[in-house]
Amino acid sequence: MNLSEVYRLLGSRIFYNLANASRVRFSEASIFVDRRSGVPFSLREQEGQVYLETALYSDEHTLLRVQTDHPDGSPLHLYQKETNEEVLVLD
């Protein structure tokens, strides 16, 4: 998927974290978990991969690889860029 398709997917509905059933919503440029304060995010493309970048703290950024075509059918899998460890599955 390209950046605009991923943005469209993120804004299309409310997702659920499969690990703890929390509600995750993407609106504009913020992520809301269980209706709490929004965390800013942006998408970027590098080497053919789409990454979701969040600014958790003013000097610390988290970069997660977005996978939308996982064989289990869940629409979003997020992987830590450096370790390729799966950190979040949203359905």
PDB file of N, CA and C in Angstrom:
ATOM      1  N   MET A   1       0.838  -1.181   0.000  1.00  0.00           N
ATOM      2  CA  MET A   1       0.000   0.000   0.000  1.00  0.00           C
ATOM      3  C   MET A   1       0.882   1.243   0.000  1.00  0.00           C
ATOM      4  N   ASN A   2       0.385   2.289  -0.608  1.00  0.00           N
ATOM      5  CA  ASN A   2       1.129   3.539  -0.569  1.00  0.00           C
ATOM      6  C   ASN A   2       0.654   4.384   0.627  1.00  0.00           C
ATOM      7  N   LEU A   3       1.283   5.526   0.828  1.00  0.00           N
ATOM      8  CA  LEU A   3       0.981   6.347   2.002  1.00  0.00           C
ATOM      9  C   LEU A   3      -0.478   6.778   2.063  1.00  0.00           C
ATOM     10  N   SER A   4      -1.033   7.241   0.977  1.00  0.00           N
ATOM     11  CA  SER A   4      -2.423   7.717   1.014  1.00  0.00           C
ATOM     12  C   SER A   4      -3.393   6.576   1.308  1.00  0.00           C
ATOM     13  N   GLU A   5      -3.108   5.378   0.808  1.00  0.00           N
ATOM     14  CA  GLU A   5      -3.962   4.223   1.099  1.00  0.00           C
ATOM     15  C   GLU A   5      -3.890   3.842   2.573  1.00  0.00           C
ATOM     16  N   VAL A   6      -2.705   3.912   3.164  1.00  0.00           N
ATOM     17  CA  VAL A   6      -2.568   3.586   4.589  1.00  0.00           C
ATOM     18  C   VAL A   6      -3.274   4.645   5.434  1.00  0.00           C
ATOM     19  N   TYR A   7      -3.108   5.939   5.110  1.00  0.00           N
ATOM     20  CA  TYR A   7      -3.836   6.990   5.829  1.00  0.00           C
ATOM     21  C   TYR A   7      -5.349   6.752   5.747  1.00  0.00           C
ATOM     22  N   ARG A   8      -5.845   6.396   4.566  1.00  0.00           N
ATOM     23  CA  ARG A   8      -7.270   6.129   4.388  1.00  0.00           C
ATOM     24  C   ARG A   8      -7.717   4.950   5.246  1.00  0.00           C
ATOM     25  N   LEU A   9      -6.916   3.879   5.287  1.00  0.00           N
ATOM     26  CA  LEU A   9      -7.238   2.714   6.105  1.00  0.00           C
ATOM     27  C   LEU A   9      -7.270   3.085   7.585  1.00  0.00           C
ATOM     28  N   LEU A  10      -6.274   3.825   8.050  1.00  0.00           N
ATOM     29  CA  LEU A  10      -6.204   4.188   9.462  1.00  0.00           C
ATOM     30  C   LEU A  10      -7.423   5.013   9.893  1.00  0.00           C
ATOM     31  N   GLY A  11      -7.862   5.925   9.050  1.00  0.00           N
ATOM     32  CA  GLY A  11      -8.984   6.781   9.399  1.00  0.00           C
ATOM     33  C   GLY A  11     -10.352   6.175   9.132  1.00  0.00           C
ATOM     34  N   SER A  12     -10.386   4.966   8.605  1.00  0.00           N
ATOM     35  CA  SER A  12     -11.649   4.382   8.156  1.00  0.00           C
ATOM     36  C   SER A  12     -12.518   3.824   9.285  1.00  0.00           C
ATOM     37  N   ARG A  13     -11.934   3.539  10.453  1.00  0.00           N
ATOM     38  CA  ARG A  13     -12.716   2.876  11.500  1.00  0.00           C
ATOM     39  C   ARG A  13     -11.970   2.865  12.820  1.00  0.00           C
ATOM     40  N   ILE A  14     -12.607   2.321  13.835  1.00  0.00           N
ATOM     41  CA  ILE A  14     -11.966   2.081  15.129  1.00  0.00           C
ATOM     42  C   ILE A  14     -11.375   0.685  15.086  1.00  0.00           C
ATOM     43  N   PHE A  15     -10.144   0.560  15.560  1.00  0.00           N
ATOM     44  CA  PHE A  15      -9.466  -0.730  15.613  1.00  0.00           C
ATOM     45  C   PHE A  15      -9.418  -1.208  17.061  1.00  0.00           C
ATOM     46  N   TYR A  16      -9.167  -2.492  17.240  1.00  0.00           N
ATOM     47  CA  TYR A  16      -9.018  -3.068  18.572  1.00  0.00           C
ATOM     48  C   TYR A  16      -7.664  -3.748  18.660  1.00  0.00           C
ATOM     49  N   ASN A  17      -6.952  -3.463  19.755  1.00  0.00           N
ATOM     50  CA  ASN A  17      -5.676  -4.111  20.030  1.00  0.00           C
ATOM     51  C   ASN A  17      -5.984  -5.540  20.447  1.00  0.00           C
ATOM     52  N   LEU A  18      -5.516  -6.516  19.706  1.00  0.00           N
ATOM     53  CA  LEU A  18      -5.840  -7.910  20.003  1.00  0.00           C
ATOM     54  C   LEU A  18      -5.227  -8.390  21.316  1.00  0.00           C
ATOM     55  N   ALA A  19      -4.172  -7.743  21.789  1.00  0.00           N
ATOM     56  CA  ALA A  19      -3.517  -8.179  23.033  1.00  0.00           C
ATOM     57  C   ALA A  19      -4.340  -7.826  24.264  1.00  0.00           C
ATOM     58  N   ASN A  20      -5.021  -6.675  24.256  1.00  0.00           N
ATOM     59  CA  ASN A  20      -5.732  -6.266  25.478  1.00  0.00           C
ATOM     60  C   ASN A  20      -7.107  -5.663  25.222  1.00  0.00           C
ATOM     61  N   ALA A  21      -7.603  -5.747  24.008  1.00  0.00           N
ATOM     62  CA  ALA A  21      -8.936  -5.275  23.621  1.00  0.00           C
ATOM     63  C   ALA A  21      -9.131  -3.771  23.785  1.00  0.00           C
ATOM     64  N   SER A  22      -8.064  -3.000  23.868  1.00  0.00           N
ATOM     65  CA  SER A  22      -8.217  -1.553  23.917  1.00  0.00           C
ATOM     66  C   SER A  22      -8.639  -1.040  22.544  1.00  0.00           C
ATOM     67  N   ARG A  23      -9.360   0.066  22.548  1.00  0.00           N
ATOM     68  CA  ARG A  23      -9.820   0.673  21.299  1.00  0.00           C
ATOM     69  C   ARG A  23      -8.774   1.656  20.810  1.00  0.00           C
ATOM     70  N   VAL A  24      -8.465   1.585  19.528  1.00  0.00           N
ATOM     71  CA  VAL A  24      -7.463   2.466  18.924  1.00  0.00           C
ATOM     72  C   VAL A  24      -8.131   3.180  17.752  1.00  0.00           C
ATOM     73  N   ARG A  25      -8.020   4.528  17.766  1.00  0.00           N
ATOM     74  CA  ARG A  25      -8.605   5.328  16.696  1.00  0.00           C
ATOM     75  C   ARG A  25      -7.553   6.288  16.163  1.00  0.00           C
ATOM     76  N   PHE A  26      -7.461   6.391  14.864  1.00  0.00           N
ATOM     77  CA  PHE A  26      -6.557   7.320  14.197  1.00  0.00           C
ATOM     78  C   PHE A  26      -7.406   8.460  13.656  1.00  0.00           C
ATOM     79  N   SER A  27      -7.090   9.670  14.068  1.00  0.00           N
ATOM     80  CA  SER A  27      -7.849  10.826  13.608  1.00  0.00           C
ATOM     81  C   SER A  27      -6.885  11.950  13.288  1.00  0.00           C
ATOM     82  N   GLU A  28      -7.025  12.463  12.052  1.00  0.00           N
ATOM     83  CA  GLU A  28      -6.112  13.515  11.602  1.00  0.00           C
ATOM     84  C   GLU A  28      -4.683  12.997  11.740  1.00  0.00           C
ATOM     85  N   ALA A  29      -3.901  13.581  12.638  1.00  0.00           N
ATOM     86  CA  ALA A  29      -2.508  13.159  12.822  1.00  0.00           C
ATOM     87  C   ALA A  29      -2.268  12.700  14.255  1.00  0.00           C
ATOM     88  N   SER A  30      -3.296  12.094  14.886  1.00  0.00           N
ATOM     89  CA  SER A  30      -3.162  11.616  16.268  1.00  0.00           C
ATOM     90  C   SER A  30      -3.736  10.220  16.412  1.00  0.00           C
ATOM     91  N   ILE A  31      -3.146   9.489  17.358  1.00  0.00           N
ATOM     92  CA  ILE A  31      -3.626   8.161  17.729  1.00  0.00           C
ATOM     93  C   ILE A  31      -4.292   8.294  19.089  1.00  0.00           C
ATOM     94  N   PHE A  32      -5.501   7.773  19.228  1.00  0.00           N
ATOM     95  CA  PHE A  32      -6.222   7.799  20.496  1.00  0.00           C
ATOM     96  C   PHE A  32      -6.452   6.358  20.940  1.00  0.00           C
ATOM     97  N   VAL A  33      -6.036   6.045  22.165  1.00  0.00           N
ATOM     98  CA  VAL A  33      -6.237   4.710  22.721  1.00  0.00           C
ATOM     99  C   VAL A  33      -7.242   4.843  23.858  1.00  0.00           C
ATOM    100  N   ASP A  34      -8.358   4.141  23.731  1.00  0.00           N
ATOM    101  CA  ASP A  34      -9.431   4.193  24.729  1.00  0.00           C
ATOM    102  C   ASP A  34      -9.836   5.616  25.084  1.00  0.00           C
ATOM    103  N   ARG A  35      -9.969   6.487  24.085  1.00  0.00           N
ATOM    104  CA  ARG A  35     -10.436   7.871  24.240  1.00  0.00           C
ATOM    105  C   ARG A  35      -9.527   8.740  25.100  1.00  0.00           C
ATOM    106  N   ARG A  36      -8.292   8.332  25.257  1.00  0.00           N
ATOM    107  CA  ARG A  36      -7.341   9.151  26.014  1.00  0.00           C
ATOM    108  C   ARG A  36      -6.714  10.181  25.089  1.00  0.00           C
ATOM    109  N   SER A  37      -5.844  10.981  25.644  1.00  0.00           N
ATOM    110  CA  SER A  37      -5.174  12.028  24.860  1.00  0.00           C
ATOM    111  C   SER A  37      -4.505  11.439  23.633  1.00  0.00           C
ATOM    112  N   GLY A  38      -4.469  12.223  22.595  1.00  0.00           N
ATOM    113  CA  GLY A  38      -3.886  11.775  21.343  1.00  0.00           C
ATOM    114  C   GLY A  38      -2.376  11.845  21.340  1.00  0.00           C
ATOM    115  N   VAL A  39      -1.769  10.887  20.656  1.00  0.00           N
ATOM    116  CA  VAL A  39      -0.323  10.862  20.435  1.00  0.00           C
ATOM    117  C   VAL A  39      -0.104  11.206  18.971  1.00  0.00           C
ATOM    118  N   PRO A  40       0.682  12.248  18.682  1.00  0.00           N
ATOM    119  CA  PRO A  40       0.914  12.608  17.277  1.00  0.00           C
ATOM    120  C   PRO A  40       1.612  11.475  16.509  1.00  0.00           C
ATOM    121  N   PHE A  41       1.221  11.325  15.248  1.00  0.00           N
ATOM    122  CA  PHE A  41       1.885  10.336  14.394  1.00  0.00           C
ATOM    123  C   PHE A  41       1.969  10.879  12.980  1.00  0.00           C
ATOM    124  N   SER A  42       2.846  10.277  12.212  1.00  0.00           N
ATOM    125  CA  SER A  42       2.927  10.555  10.788  1.00  0.00           C
ATOM    126  C   SER A  42       3.361   9.273  10.096  1.00  0.00           C
ATOM    127  N   LEU A  43       3.116   9.211   8.811  1.00  0.00           N
ATOM    128  CA  LEU A  43       3.563   8.075   8.013  1.00  0.00           C
ATOM    129  C   LEU A  43       4.677   8.533   7.107  1.00  0.00           C
ATOM    130  N   ARG A  44       5.624   7.640   6.868  1.00  0.00           N
ATOM    131  CA  ARG A  44       6.692   7.917   5.908  1.00  0.00           C
ATOM    132  C   ARG A  44       7.005   6.632   5.163  1.00  0.00           C
ATOM    133  N   GLU A  45       7.509   6.802   3.979  1.00  0.00           N
ATOM    134  CA  GLU A  45       7.870   5.653   3.154  1.00  0.00           C
ATOM    135  C   GLU A  45       9.377   5.629   2.999  1.00  0.00           C
ATOM    136  N   GLN A  46       9.971   4.453   3.254  1.00  0.00           N
ATOM    137  CA  GLN A  46      11.405   4.245   3.092  1.00  0.00           C
ATOM    138  C   GLN A  46      11.619   2.897   2.431  1.00  0.00           C
ATOM    139  N   GLU A  47      12.366   2.900   1.364  1.00  0.00           N
ATOM    140  CA  GLU A  47      12.735   1.663   0.676  1.00  0.00           C
ATOM    141  C   GLU A  47      11.534   0.767   0.390  1.00  0.00           C
ATOM    142  N   GLY A  48      10.425   1.364  -0.018  1.00  0.00           N
ATOM    143  CA  GLY A  48       9.245   0.605  -0.369  1.00  0.00           C
ATOM    144  C   GLY A  48       8.390   0.152   0.799  1.00  0.00           C
ATOM    145  N   GLN A  49       8.746   0.509   2.025  1.00  0.00           N
ATOM    146  CA  GLN A  49       7.983   0.144   3.216  1.00  0.00           C
ATOM    147  C   GLN A  49       7.336   1.392   3.802  1.00  0.00           C
ATOM    148  N   VAL A  50       6.161   1.235   4.386  1.00  0.00           N
ATOM    149  CA  VAL A  50       5.495   2.340   5.070  1.00  0.00           C
ATOM    150  C   VAL A  50       5.772   2.204   6.558  1.00  0.00           C
ATOM    151  N   TYR A  51       6.178   3.310   7.185  1.00  0.00           N
ATOM    152  CA  TYR A  51       6.468   3.343   8.614  1.00  0.00           C
ATOM    153  C   TYR A  51       5.585   4.366   9.298  1.00  0.00           C
ATOM    154  N   LEU A  52       5.107   4.021  10.483  1.00  0.00           N
ATOM    155  CA  LEU A  52       4.354   4.925  11.317  1.00  0.00           C
ATOM    156  C   LEU A  52       5.323   5.467  12.354  1.00  0.00           C
ATOM    157  N   GLU A  53       5.420   6.780  12.429  1.00  0.00           N
ATOM    158  CA  GLU A  53       6.331   7.415  13.376  1.00  0.00           C
ATOM    159  C   GLU A  53       5.520   8.150  14.424  1.00  0.00           C
ATOM    160  N   THR A  54       5.831   7.894  15.691  1.00  0.00           N
ATOM    161  CA  THR A  54       5.181   8.605  16.784  1.00  0.00           C
ATOM    162  C   THR A  54       6.216   9.371  17.566  1.00  0.00           C
ATOM    163  N   ALA A  55       5.792  10.461  18.134  1.00  0.00           N
ATOM    164  CA  ALA A  55       6.658  11.250  19.013  1.00  0.00           C
ATOM    165  C   ALA A  55       6.152  11.051  20.436  1.00  0.00           C
ATOM    166  N   LEU A  56       6.677  10.036  21.105  1.00  0.00           N
ATOM    167  CA  LEU A  56       6.219   9.749  22.461  1.00  0.00           C
ATOM    168  C   LEU A  56       6.729  10.771  23.458  1.00  0.00           C
ATOM    169  N   TYR A  57       7.927  11.201  23.279  1.00  0.00           N
ATOM    170  CA  TYR A  57       8.531  12.241  24.100  1.00  0.00           C
ATOM    171  C   TYR A  57       9.164  13.232  23.139  1.00  0.00           C
ATOM    172  N   SER A  58       9.455  14.397  23.604  1.00  0.00           N
ATOM    173  CA  SER A  58       9.950  15.434  22.693  1.00  0.00           C
ATOM    174  C   SER A  58      11.233  15.030  21.969  1.00  0.00           C
ATOM    175  N   ASP A  59      12.073  14.209  22.593  1.00  0.00           N
ATOM    176  CA  ASP A  59      13.338  13.837  21.956  1.00  0.00           C
ATOM    177  C   ASP A  59      13.395  12.372  21.535  1.00  0.00           C
ATOM    178  N   GLU A  60      12.302  11.629  21.714  1.00  0.00           N
ATOM    179  CA  GLU A  60      12.320  10.208  21.376  1.00  0.00           C
ATOM    180  C   GLU A  60      11.213   9.907  20.373  1.00  0.00           C
ATOM    181  N   HIS A  61      11.592   9.323  19.259  1.00  0.00           N
ATOM    182  CA  HIS A  61      10.621   8.955  18.226  1.00  0.00           C
ATOM    183  C   HIS A  61      10.631   7.442  18.054  1.00  0.00           C
ATOM    184  N   THR A  62       9.469   6.900  17.805  1.00  0.00           N
ATOM    185  CA  THR A  62       9.324   5.478  17.577  1.00  0.00           C
ATOM    186  C   THR A  62       8.921   5.266  16.125  1.00  0.00           C
ATOM    187  N   LEU A  63       9.614   4.372  15.447  1.00  0.00           N
ATOM    188  CA  LEU A  63       9.336   4.083  14.052  1.00  0.00           C
ATOM    189  C   LEU A  63       8.869   2.637  13.939  1.00  0.00           C
ATOM    190  N   LEU A  64       7.640   2.440  13.461  1.00  0.00           N
ATOM    191  CA  LEU A  64       7.052   1.113  13.345  1.00  0.00           C
ATOM    192  C   LEU A  64       6.710   0.825  11.887  1.00  0.00           C
ATOM    193  N   ARG A  65       7.109  -0.355  11.418  1.00  0.00           N
ATOM    194  CA  ARG A  65       6.778  -0.772  10.054  1.00  0.00           C
ATOM    195  C   ARG A  65       5.328  -1.238  10.026  1.00  0.00           C
ATOM    196  N   VAL A  66       4.574  -0.761   9.050  1.00  0.00           N
ATOM    197  CA  VAL A  66       3.162  -1.098   8.907  1.00  0.00           C
ATOM    198  C   VAL A  66       3.029  -2.229   7.900  1.00  0.00           C
ATOM    199  N   GLN A  67       2.341  -3.297   8.307  1.00  0.00           N
ATOM    200  CA  GLN A  67       2.043  -4.386   7.377  1.00  0.00           C
ATOM    201  C   GLN A  67       0.532  -4.522   7.307  1.00  0.00           C
ATOM    202  N   THR A  68      -0.014  -4.420   6.102  1.00  0.00           N
ATOM    203  CA  THR A  68      -1.463  -4.488   5.921  1.00  0.00           C
ATOM    204  C   THR A  68      -1.924  -5.763   5.240  1.00  0.00           C
ATOM    205  N   ASP A  69      -1.001  -6.595   4.811  1.00  0.00           N
ATOM    206  CA  ASP A  69      -1.382  -7.811   4.076  1.00  0.00           C
ATOM    207  C   ASP A  69      -0.935  -9.072   4.798  1.00  0.00           C
ATOM    208  N   HIS A  70      -1.049  -9.100   6.107  1.00  0.00           N
ATOM    209  CA  HIS A  70      -0.625 -10.258   6.902  1.00  0.00           C
ATOM    210  C   HIS A  70      -1.557 -11.444   6.627  1.00  0.00           C
ATOM    211  N   PRO A  71      -1.022 -12.658   6.583  1.00  0.00           N
ATOM    212  CA  PRO A  71      -1.845 -13.830   6.274  1.00  0.00           C
ATOM    213  C   PRO A  71      -2.961 -14.116   7.281  1.00  0.00           C
ATOM    214  N   ASP A  72      -2.863 -13.605   8.519  1.00  0.00           N
ATOM    215  CA  ASP A  72      -3.910 -13.900   9.502  1.00  0.00           C
ATOM    216  C   ASP A  72      -5.179 -13.093   9.262  1.00  0.00           C
ATOM    217  N   GLY A  73      -5.144 -12.132   8.344  1.00  0.00           N
ATOM    218  CA  GLY A  73      -6.337 -11.372   8.001  1.00  0.00           C
ATOM    219  C   GLY A  73      -6.549 -10.112   8.818  1.00  0.00           C
ATOM    220  N   SER A  74      -5.793  -9.905   9.892  1.00  0.00           N
ATOM    221  CA  SER A  74      -5.913  -8.666  10.652  1.00  0.00           C
ATOM    222  C   SER A  74      -5.410  -7.515   9.797  1.00  0.00           C
ATOM    223  N   PRO A  75      -6.115  -6.386   9.794  1.00  0.00           N
ATOM    224  CA  PRO A  75      -5.760  -5.319   8.860  1.00  0.00           C
ATOM    225  C   PRO A  75      -4.446  -4.605   9.158  1.00  0.00           C
ATOM    226  N   LEU A  76      -3.992  -4.593  10.415  1.00  0.00           N
ATOM    227  CA  LEU A  76      -2.761  -3.856  10.734  1.00  0.00           C
ATOM    228  C   LEU A  76      -1.867  -4.632  11.675  1.00  0.00           C
ATOM    229  N   HIS A  77      -0.638  -4.833  11.256  1.00  0.00           N
ATOM    230  CA  HIS A  77       0.422  -5.372  12.107  1.00  0.00           C
ATOM    231  C   HIS A  77       1.519  -4.319  12.120  1.00  0.00           C
ATOM    232  N   LEU A  78       2.019  -3.989  13.309  1.00  0.00           N
ATOM    233  CA  LEU A  78       3.077  -2.999  13.439  1.00  0.00           C
ATOM    234  C   LEU A  78       4.311  -3.667  14.027  1.00  0.00           C
ATOM    235  N   TYR A  79       5.459  -3.442  13.377  1.00  0.00           N
ATOM    236  CA  TYR A  79       6.717  -4.070  13.761  1.00  0.00           C
ATOM    237  C   TYR A  79       7.739  -2.994  14.082  1.00  0.00           C
ATOM    238  N   GLN A  80       8.542  -3.220  15.124  1.00  0.00           N
ATOM    239  CA  GLN A  80       9.622  -2.313  15.481  1.00  0.00           C
ATOM    240  C   GLN A  80      10.644  -2.338  14.360  1.00  0.00           C
ATOM    241  N   LYS A  81      11.063  -1.166  13.886  1.00  0.00           N
ATOM    242  CA  LYS A  81      11.913  -1.097  12.694  1.00  0.00           C
ATOM    243  C   LYS A  81      13.244  -1.808  12.885  1.00  0.00           C
ATOM    244  N   GLU A  82      13.942  -1.540  13.973  1.00  0.00           N
ATOM    245  CA  GLU A  82      15.301  -2.074  14.142  1.00  0.00           C
ATOM    246  C   GLU A  82      15.315  -3.578  14.392  1.00  0.00           C
ATOM    247  N   THR A  83      14.387  -4.086  15.210  1.00  0.00           N
ATOM    248  CA  THR A  83      14.416  -5.497  15.595  1.00  0.00           C
ATOM    249  C   THR A  83      13.446  -6.373  14.809  1.00  0.00           C
ATOM    250  N   ASN A  84      12.524  -5.735  14.062  1.00  0.00           N
ATOM    251  CA  ASN A  84      11.486  -6.439  13.318  1.00  0.00           C
ATOM    252  C   ASN A  84      10.558  -7.228  14.239  1.00  0.00           C
ATOM    253  N   GLU A  85      10.510  -6.862  15.514  1.00  0.00           N
ATOM    254  CA  GLU A  85       9.639  -7.515  16.479  1.00  0.00           C
ATOM    255  C   GLU A  85       8.227  -6.960  16.340  1.00  0.00           C
ATOM    256  N   GLU A  86       7.247  -7.862  16.301  1.00  0.00           N
ATOM    257  CA  GLU A  86       5.855  -7.424  16.222  1.00  0.00           C
ATOM    258  C   GLU A  86       5.462  -6.815  17.560  1.00  0.00           C
ATOM    259  N   VAL A  87       4.996  -5.572  17.525  1.00  0.00           N
ATOM    260  CA  VAL A  87       4.650  -4.892  18.781  1.00  0.00           C
ATOM    261  C   VAL A  87       3.167  -4.641  18.941  1.00  0.00           C
ATOM    262  N   LEU A  88       2.397  -4.691  17.841  1.00  0.00           N
ATOM    263  CA  LEU A  88       0.983  -4.389  17.951  1.00  0.00           C
ATOM    264  C   LEU A  88       0.231  -5.009  16.773  1.00  0.00           C
ATOM    265  N   VAL A  89      -0.901  -5.646  17.076  1.00  0.00           N
ATOM    266  CA  VAL A  89      -1.796  -6.161  16.049  1.00  0.00           C
ATOM    267  C   VAL A  89      -3.149  -5.515  16.276  1.00  0.00           C
ATOM    268  N   LEU A  90      -3.651  -4.847  15.251  1.00  0.00           N
ATOM    269  CA  LEU A  90      -4.958  -4.181  15.354  1.00  0.00           C
ATOM    270  C   LEU A  90      -5.941  -4.833  14.402  1.00  0.00           C
ATOM    271  N   ASP A  91      -7.138  -5.058  14.899  1.00  0.00           N
ATOM    272  CA  ASP A  91      -8.185  -5.669  14.094  1.00  0.00           C
ATOM    273  C   ASP A  91      -9.444  -4.852  14.177  1.00  0.00           C
TER     274      ASP A  91
END
